[in-house]
Amino acid sequence: MKKFGDIDSKFRYVIIASKRAKQLLRGGKPKLKSKSKNPIRVAQLEVTEGLVEYEIIELKEDKVRRPEEEGFIGEEIRNKGEEKEEEDKGKAKGKDKKSEDEHKKSTKGKPRKKGKRKKI
């Protein structure tokens, strides 16, 4: 495995090097002299040498949202929706069956109409 200076993981190395490369692309001055003019390579060298300072910010427990003690808030909404669906099914049960059958009969065996398509 390659060494990334004093950085603990290759993922952190990539993130730090990419942020430093962006700084160099925006006009930041390199912290070391190298043969390479490529800002990405310069940033990688700087991070490997430990010249780039970074800080790992830990997530505080205060910021983590905890679920309510009462339970799922949307439970009442879900129950109301289920009741309404049952009512709708009971009312439209006969109508839906007839309309589906009529539609199948009316479109059976007929070719589709071809229209002009717009060019994008």
Protein backbone atom coordinates (compact mmCIF):
# COMPACT_ATOMS: atom_id res chain seq x y z
CA MET A 1 0.00 0.00 0.00
CA LYS A 2 1.25 3.47 -0.83
CA LYS A 3 2.09 5.85 1.94
CA PHE A 4 0.01 8.99 2.15
CA GLY A 5 2.13 10.93 4.61
CA ASP A 6 0.52 11.17 8.03
CA ILE A 7 -3.01 10.67 6.65
CA ASP A 8 -4.90 7.63 7.94
CA SER A 9 -6.79 6.63 4.77
CA LYS A 10 -6.48 6.95 1.02
CA PHE A 11 -9.97 8.44 0.83
CA ARG A 12 -9.01 11.32 3.10
CA TYR A 13 -5.81 11.75 1.08
CA VAL A 14 -7.80 12.13 -2.15
CA ILE A 15 -10.21 14.64 -0.61
CA ILE A 16 -7.43 16.79 0.87
CA ALA A 17 -5.35 16.67 -2.32
CA SER A 18 -8.35 17.63 -4.47
CA LYS A 19 -9.18 20.62 -2.26
CA ARG A 20 -5.56 21.74 -2.35
CA ALA A 21 -5.47 21.34 -6.15
CA LYS A 22 -8.54 23.58 -6.42
CA GLN A 23 -6.75 26.21 -4.35
CA LEU A 24 -3.74 26.02 -6.67
CA LEU A 25 -5.95 26.27 -9.76
CA ARG A 26 -7.56 29.42 -8.34
CA GLY A 27 -4.18 31.08 -7.93
CA GLY A 28 -2.78 29.73 -4.67
CA LYS A 29 0.99 29.56 -4.36
CA PRO A 30 2.64 26.14 -4.08
CA LYS A 31 4.26 25.32 -0.73
CA LEU A 32 7.14 23.41 -2.33
CA LYS A 33 9.17 23.53 -5.52
CA SER A 34 8.73 20.64 -7.93
CA LYS A 35 9.55 19.75 -11.50
CA SER A 36 5.86 19.30 -12.26
CA LYS A 37 3.76 22.26 -13.32
CA ASN A 38 0.54 20.27 -12.98
CA PRO A 39 -1.39 21.64 -9.95
CA ILE A 40 -2.89 18.24 -9.21
CA ARG A 41 0.52 16.59 -8.95
CA VAL A 42 1.85 19.50 -6.89
CA ALA A 43 -1.11 19.15 -4.50
CA GLN A 44 -0.45 15.42 -4.14
CA LEU A 45 3.20 16.06 -3.30
CA GLU A 46 2.28 18.72 -0.75
CA VAL A 47 -0.19 16.41 1.00
CA THR A 48 2.30 13.52 1.01
CA GLU A 49 4.97 15.75 2.54
CA GLY A 50 2.52 16.90 5.23
CA LEU A 51 2.56 20.57 4.19
CA VAL A 52 -1.23 20.86 3.94
CA GLU A 53 -3.07 21.42 7.20
CA TYR A 54 -6.49 19.91 7.68
CA GLU A 55 -8.95 19.38 10.49
CA ILE A 56 -11.31 16.47 11.02
CA ILE A 57 -14.61 17.78 12.33
CA GLU A 58 -16.42 15.32 14.58
CA LEU A 59 -20.21 15.14 14.54
CA LYS A 60 -21.61 16.27 17.87
CA GLU A 61 -24.43 14.34 19.49
CA ASP A 62 -26.41 17.55 19.90
CA LYS A 63 -26.83 17.84 16.14
CA VAL A 64 -28.13 14.29 15.70
CA ARG A 65 -31.91 14.25 15.54
CA ARG A 66 -33.57 11.66 17.73
CA PRO A 67 -36.92 10.05 16.85
CA GLU A 68 -39.93 11.06 18.84
CA GLU A 69 -41.02 8.85 21.72
CA GLU A 70 -44.59 8.83 20.40
CA GLY A 71 -43.84 6.82 17.27
CA PHE A 72 -44.41 7.36 13.58
CA ILE A 73 -46.13 10.71 12.95
CA GLY A 74 -47.47 9.73 9.54
CA GLU A 75 -49.33 6.72 10.94
CA GLU A 76 -52.57 8.68 11.22
CA ILE A 77 -52.23 9.92 7.64
CA ARG A 78 -51.57 6.39 6.41
CA ASN A 79 -54.67 5.07 8.21
CA LYS A 80 -56.86 7.79 6.72
CA GLY A 81 -55.48 7.05 3.26
CA GLU A 82 -56.25 3.34 3.61
CA GLU A 83 -59.83 4.08 4.67
CA LYS A 84 -60.33 6.37 1.68
CA GLU A 85 -58.92 3.77 -0.72
CA GLU A 86 -61.35 1.16 0.60
CA GLU A 87 -64.27 3.55 0.08
CA ASP A 88 -63.14 4.38 -3.45
CA LYS A 89 -62.76 0.69 -4.32
CA GLY A 90 -66.27 -0.06 -3.11
CA LYS A 91 -67.84 2.79 -5.09
CA ALA A 92 -66.01 2.30 -8.37
CA LYS A 93 -65.78 -1.48 -8.42
CA GLY A 94 -68.43 -1.98 -11.11
CA LYS A 95 -67.46 1.05 -13.19
CA ASP A 96 -63.78 0.12 -13.47
CA LYS A 97 -64.53 -3.37 -14.74
CA LYS A 98 -66.87 -2.14 -17.47
CA SER A 99 -64.59 0.66 -18.63
CA GLU A 100 -61.59 -1.67 -18.92
CA ASP A 101 -63.56 -4.19 -20.98
CA GLU A 102 -64.93 -1.47 -23.27
CA HIS A 103 -61.47 -0.04 -23.82
CA LYS A 104 -60.03 -3.43 -24.73
CA LYS A 105 -62.82 -4.05 -27.23
CA SER A 106 -62.52 -0.61 -28.85
CA THR A 107 -58.75 -0.79 -29.37
CA LYS A 108 -58.50 -4.46 -30.30
CA GLY A 109 -57.14 -5.01 -33.79
CA LYS A 110 -56.82 -1.32 -34.69
CA PRO A 111 -53.45 0.00 -35.84
CA ARG A 112 -51.90 2.86 -33.94
CA LYS A 113 -51.99 6.29 -35.50
CA LYS A 114 -48.58 7.59 -36.38
CA GLY A 115 -48.00 11.25 -35.90
CA LYS A 116 -45.12 13.48 -36.77
CA ARG A 117 -42.45 13.59 -34.13
CA LYS A 118 -40.67 16.78 -33.29
CA LYS A 119 -36.94 16.82 -33.75
CA ILE A 120 -35.05 17.85 -30.70
